[in-house]
Amino acid sequence: MKKYLLAGLLVWLPLAITIWVLHAILGMLDGVFAALLTAGQAVLPDAASPLLEMLKSIPGLGVIVMFAGLVLTGVFATNMAGQWALRQGAKILHQIPIVKSIYSSVKQVSDTLFSSSGNAFREAVLVQYPREGCWTIAFVTGKPGGEAAEHLQPDYLSLYVPTTPNPTSGFFLMVPRKDVIALAMSVDEALKYIISMGVVAPPVPLLPAGAREAGTVIARNQRG
């Protein structure tokens, strides 16, 4: 009975969690869309209220509207007129005392993470943490900058070490390049490995025998 119970749990638990997460996301987006419609009722004529109430009752419409809004915003932001308008808006936000600190920080992080030309979270590596002899997976976020870079050698890397099973929190490290081991696994595979607490291991990439032996020698030298 215990065997069958665990087998059934392994079948239904991932499906139930997936449905719960999707339902929560859809509910959040529908809630944002409903809030926008409620705000529209305050400025639109009363004749538009029945139509807005009908739109609120359509499930999943918020997701479609938000997706369309993101696409249209992207189209607007990639042309010259849109870029000029965004720059003017950014200048206004940078003049507001409290808003400028929050906006500039979030903007820098988002530009670094989602820029196609950036290096953030493009590579997974092995690093010894929290002490020598203990290894964990980290992500390269670039190189140290500012005042910190003036006190370090040029070959240092900036690393983000995520926690398990919640990778959204973690630790920021600056370590020499020679102290990390580059991994062939993708960032998505590394995240799955971290979230599963090492249960879901990514497949070992097929490398030529010479490259595999060379990598083993380098890893041994770094551990030594």
Protein backbone atom coordinates (compact mmCIF):
# COMPACT_ATOMS: atom_id res chain seq x y z
CA MET A 1 0.00 0.00 0.00
CA LYS A 2 2.81 2.42 0.86
CA LYS A 3 4.50 1.67 -2.47
CA TYR A 4 1.34 2.40 -4.46
CA LEU A 5 0.62 5.51 -2.42
CA LEU A 6 4.06 6.96 -3.14
CA ALA A 7 3.78 6.05 -6.83
CA GLY A 8 0.44 7.86 -7.07
CA LEU A 9 1.86 10.84 -5.22
CA LEU A 10 4.77 11.09 -7.65
CA VAL A 11 2.29 11.16 -10.54
CA TRP A 12 -0.13 13.74 -9.18
CA LEU A 13 2.11 16.06 -7.13
CA PRO A 14 4.00 17.68 -10.06
CA LEU A 15 0.75 18.07 -11.99
CA ALA A 16 -1.07 19.61 -9.01
CA ILE A 17 1.74 22.05 -8.29
CA THR A 18 1.92 23.04 -11.98
CA ILE A 19 -1.83 23.71 -12.09
CA TRP A 20 -1.66 25.66 -8.81
CA VAL A 21 1.18 27.87 -10.06
CA LEU A 22 -0.53 28.56 -13.38
CA HIS A 23 -3.82 29.30 -11.61
CA ALA A 24 -2.06 31.75 -9.29
CA ILE A 25 -0.38 33.52 -12.22
CA LEU A 26 -3.61 33.71 -14.20
CA GLY A 27 -5.46 34.99 -11.15
CA MET A 28 -2.86 37.68 -10.57
CA LEU A 29 -2.99 38.87 -14.18
CA ASP A 30 -6.79 38.83 -14.21
CA GLY A 31 -6.73 40.83 -10.97
CA VAL A 32 -4.47 43.48 -12.52
CA PHE A 33 -6.69 43.62 -15.60
CA ALA A 34 -9.81 43.96 -13.45
CA ALA A 35 -8.18 46.80 -11.50
CA LEU A 36 -7.45 48.61 -14.77
CA LEU A 37 -11.05 48.17 -15.88
CA THR A 38 -12.28 49.49 -12.54
CA ALA A 39 -10.09 52.55 -12.97
CA GLY A 40 -11.49 52.96 -16.47
CA GLN A 41 -15.04 53.04 -15.13
CA ALA A 42 -14.16 56.19 -13.20
CA VAL A 43 -13.18 58.13 -16.34
CA LEU A 44 -15.39 56.56 -19.03
CA PRO A 45 -19.12 57.33 -19.48
CA ASP A 46 -21.65 55.28 -17.58
CA ALA A 47 -22.75 53.67 -20.84
CA ALA A 48 -19.43 51.80 -20.97
CA SER A 49 -19.89 50.19 -17.54
CA PRO A 50 -21.83 47.11 -18.78
CA LEU A 51 -19.12 46.39 -21.34
CA LEU A 52 -16.36 46.72 -18.73
CA GLU A 53 -18.22 44.43 -16.33
CA MET A 54 -18.60 41.85 -19.11
CA LEU A 55 -14.87 42.01 -19.83
CA LYS A 56 -14.12 41.40 -16.14
CA SER A 57 -16.07 38.12 -16.24
CA ILE A 58 -14.08 36.62 -19.15
CA PRO A 59 -11.45 34.27 -17.65
CA GLY A 60 -7.95 34.52 -19.09
CA LEU A 61 -8.63 37.79 -20.90
CA GLY A 62 -6.16 39.56 -18.63
CA VAL A 63 -3.35 37.26 -19.84
CA ILE A 64 -4.14 38.00 -23.48
CA VAL A 65 -4.32 41.74 -22.86
CA MET A 66 -1.08 41.78 -20.85
CA PHE A 67 0.73 39.75 -23.52
CA ALA A 68 -0.52 42.05 -26.27
CA GLY A 69 0.48 45.06 -24.18
CA LEU A 70 4.03 43.74 -23.73
CA VAL A 71 4.39 43.07 -27.46
CA LEU A 72 3.08 46.52 -28.39
CA THR A 73 5.36 48.11 -25.82
CA GLY A 74 8.32 46.23 -27.27
CA VAL A 75 7.43 47.41 -30.77
CA PHE A 76 7.14 50.97 -29.49
CA ALA A 77 10.44 50.77 -27.59
CA THR A 78 12.45 49.48 -30.56
CA ASN A 79 11.83 52.43 -32.89
CA MET A 80 13.40 55.88 -32.74
CA ALA A 81 10.28 57.69 -31.57
CA GLY A 82 9.68 55.18 -28.78
CA GLN A 83 13.29 55.29 -27.60
CA TRP A 84 13.17 59.10 -27.49
CA ALA A 85 9.93 59.01 -25.48
CA LEU A 86 11.38 56.46 -23.05
CA ARG A 87 14.49 58.58 -22.53
CA GLN A 88 12.36 61.61 -21.75
CA GLY A 89 10.28 59.58 -19.31
CA ALA A 90 13.43 58.26 -17.63
CA LYS A 91 14.73 61.81 -17.19
CA ILE A 92 11.50 62.79 -15.44
CA LEU A 93 11.69 59.76 -13.12
CA HIS A 94 15.33 60.53 -12.26
CA GLN A 95 14.29 63.95 -10.99
CA ILE A 96 11.90 62.56 -8.34
CA PRO A 97 13.89 62.06 -5.09
CA ILE A 98 12.72 58.62 -3.90
CA VAL A 99 11.53 57.24 -7.21
CA LYS A 100 14.88 57.82 -8.93
CA SER A 101 16.74 55.53 -6.49
CA ILE A 102 14.29 52.66 -6.91
CA TYR A 103 13.88 53.09 -10.68
CA SER A 104 17.59 53.40 -11.45
CA SER A 105 18.48 50.33 -9.37
CA VAL A 106 15.79 48.14 -10.89
CA LYS A 107 16.61 49.43 -14.38
CA GLN A 108 20.29 48.57 -14.04
CA VAL A 109 19.54 45.06 -12.76
CA SER A 110 16.91 44.36 -15.42
CA ASP A 111 19.13 45.67 -18.23
CA THR A 112 21.97 43.47 -17.01
CA LEU A 113 19.85 40.33 -16.66
CA PHE A 114 17.75 40.57 -19.81
CA SER A 115 20.10 42.27 -22.22
CA SER A 116 21.02 39.98 -25.10
CA SER A 117 24.54 41.43 -25.14
CA GLY A 118 25.14 41.01 -21.40
CA ASN A 119 26.92 38.18 -19.61
CA ALA A 120 24.67 37.84 -16.56
CA PHE A 121 23.46 34.28 -15.96
CA ARG A 122 24.95 33.09 -19.24
CA GLU A 123 27.30 30.55 -17.64
CA ALA A 124 27.10 28.06 -14.79
CA VAL A 125 30.28 27.26 -12.85
CA LEU A 126 31.47 25.28 -9.86
CA VAL A 127 32.96 27.21 -6.94
CA GLN A 128 34.14 26.23 -3.47
CA TYR A 129 31.62 27.62 -0.97
CA PRO A 130 31.13 28.12 1.97
CA ARG A 131 34.55 26.63 2.69
CA GLU A 132 37.38 24.93 0.85
CA GLY A 133 36.47 21.40 -0.12
CA CYS A 134 32.72 22.13 -0.44
CA TRP A 135 31.53 22.81 -3.98
CA THR A 136 28.35 24.46 -5.20
CA ILE A 137 26.92 25.73 -8.48
CA ALA A 138 27.08 29.47 -9.15
CA PHE A 139 26.29 31.77 -12.06
CA VAL A 140 28.69 34.26 -13.61
CA THR A 141 27.19 37.76 -13.53
CA GLY A 142 30.18 39.62 -14.97
CA LYS A 143 33.30 41.19 -13.51
CA PRO A 144 33.74 43.36 -10.40
CA GLY A 145 33.34 47.06 -11.07
CA GLY A 146 33.71 50.40 -9.35
CA GLU A 147 35.86 50.74 -6.26
CA ALA A 148 35.89 46.99 -5.63
CA ALA A 149 37.60 46.36 -8.97
CA GLU A 150 40.43 48.72 -8.03
CA HIS A 151 41.43 46.44 -5.12
CA LEU A 152 41.18 43.17 -7.10
CA GLN A 153 43.10 41.59 -9.94
CA PRO A 154 41.64 41.84 -13.48
CA ASP A 155 40.97 38.09 -13.62
CA TYR A 156 38.27 38.15 -10.90
CA LEU A 157 34.68 37.13 -11.65
CA SER A 158 31.42 38.21 -10.05
CA LEU A 159 29.33 35.18 -9.05
CA TYR A 160 25.82 34.66 -7.78
CA VAL A 161 25.43 31.62 -5.54
CA PRO A 162 21.72 30.73 -5.27
CA THR A 163 20.14 29.01 -2.29
CA THR A 164 18.14 25.78 -2.39
CA PRO A 165 15.27 25.24 -3.11
CA ASN A 166 14.55 28.96 -3.60
CA PRO A 167 17.13 30.31 -6.09
CA THR A 168 15.78 33.87 -5.91
CA SER A 169 17.87 34.44 -2.78
CA GLY A 170 21.58 33.83 -2.53
CA PHE A 171 25.04 35.28 -2.08
CA PHE A 172 27.27 37.53 -4.17
CA LEU A 173 30.93 36.52 -4.43
CA MET A 174 33.99 37.92 -6.20
CA VAL A 175 36.53 35.15 -6.78
CA PRO A 176 39.56 34.58 -9.05
CA ARG A 177 38.79 32.97 -12.37
CA LYS A 178 41.25 30.15 -11.61
CA ASP A 179 39.15 29.13 -8.59
CA VAL A 180 36.03 28.27 -10.62
CA ILE A 181 35.31 25.37 -12.93
CA ALA A 182 33.24 26.12 -16.02
CA LEU A 183 30.32 23.73 -16.61
CA ALA A 184 28.91 22.60 -19.94
CA MET A 185 25.35 22.47 -18.57
CA SER A 186 22.98 25.28 -19.50
CA VAL A 187 21.65 27.81 -17.00
CA ASP A 188 18.21 26.16 -17.11
CA GLU A 189 19.71 22.75 -16.32
CA ALA A 190 21.73 24.23 -13.47
CA LEU A 191 18.63 25.89 -12.00
CA LYS A 192 16.71 22.58 -12.14
CA TYR A 193 19.63 20.89 -10.40
CA ILE A 194 19.64 23.53 -7.65
CA ILE A 195 15.87 23.67 -7.14
CA SER A 196 15.63 19.88 -6.92
CA MET A 197 18.40 19.88 -4.27
CA GLY A 198 20.57 17.70 -6.50
CA VAL A 199 17.88 15.10 -7.26
CA VAL A 200 17.37 16.06 -10.92
CA ALA A 201 20.89 15.92 -12.33
CA PRO A 202 21.46 17.18 -15.88
CA PRO A 203 22.86 14.70 -18.40
CA VAL A 204 26.61 14.57 -18.84
CA PRO A 205 27.55 16.21 -22.17
CA LEU A 206 29.23 13.98 -24.72
CA LEU A 207 32.77 15.30 -25.12
CA PRO A 208 35.72 13.88 -27.03
CA ALA A 209 37.95 11.64 -24.94
CA GLY A 210 40.86 14.09 -25.09
CA ALA A 211 38.75 17.06 -23.99
CA ARG A 212 37.19 15.02 -21.19
CA GLU A 213 40.61 13.92 -19.89
CA ALA A 214 41.92 17.49 -20.11
CA GLY A 215 38.93 18.77 -18.18
CA THR A 216 39.48 16.14 -15.50
CA VAL A 217 43.13 17.15 -15.11
CA ILE A 218 42.21 20.85 -14.84
CA ALA A 219 39.54 20.09 -12.25
CA ARG A 220 41.99 18.04 -10.20
CA ASN A 221 44.57 20.79 -10.33
CA GLN A 222 42.02 23.39 -9.20
CA ARG A 223 40.87 21.18 -6.33
CA GLY A 224 44.45 20.59 -5.32
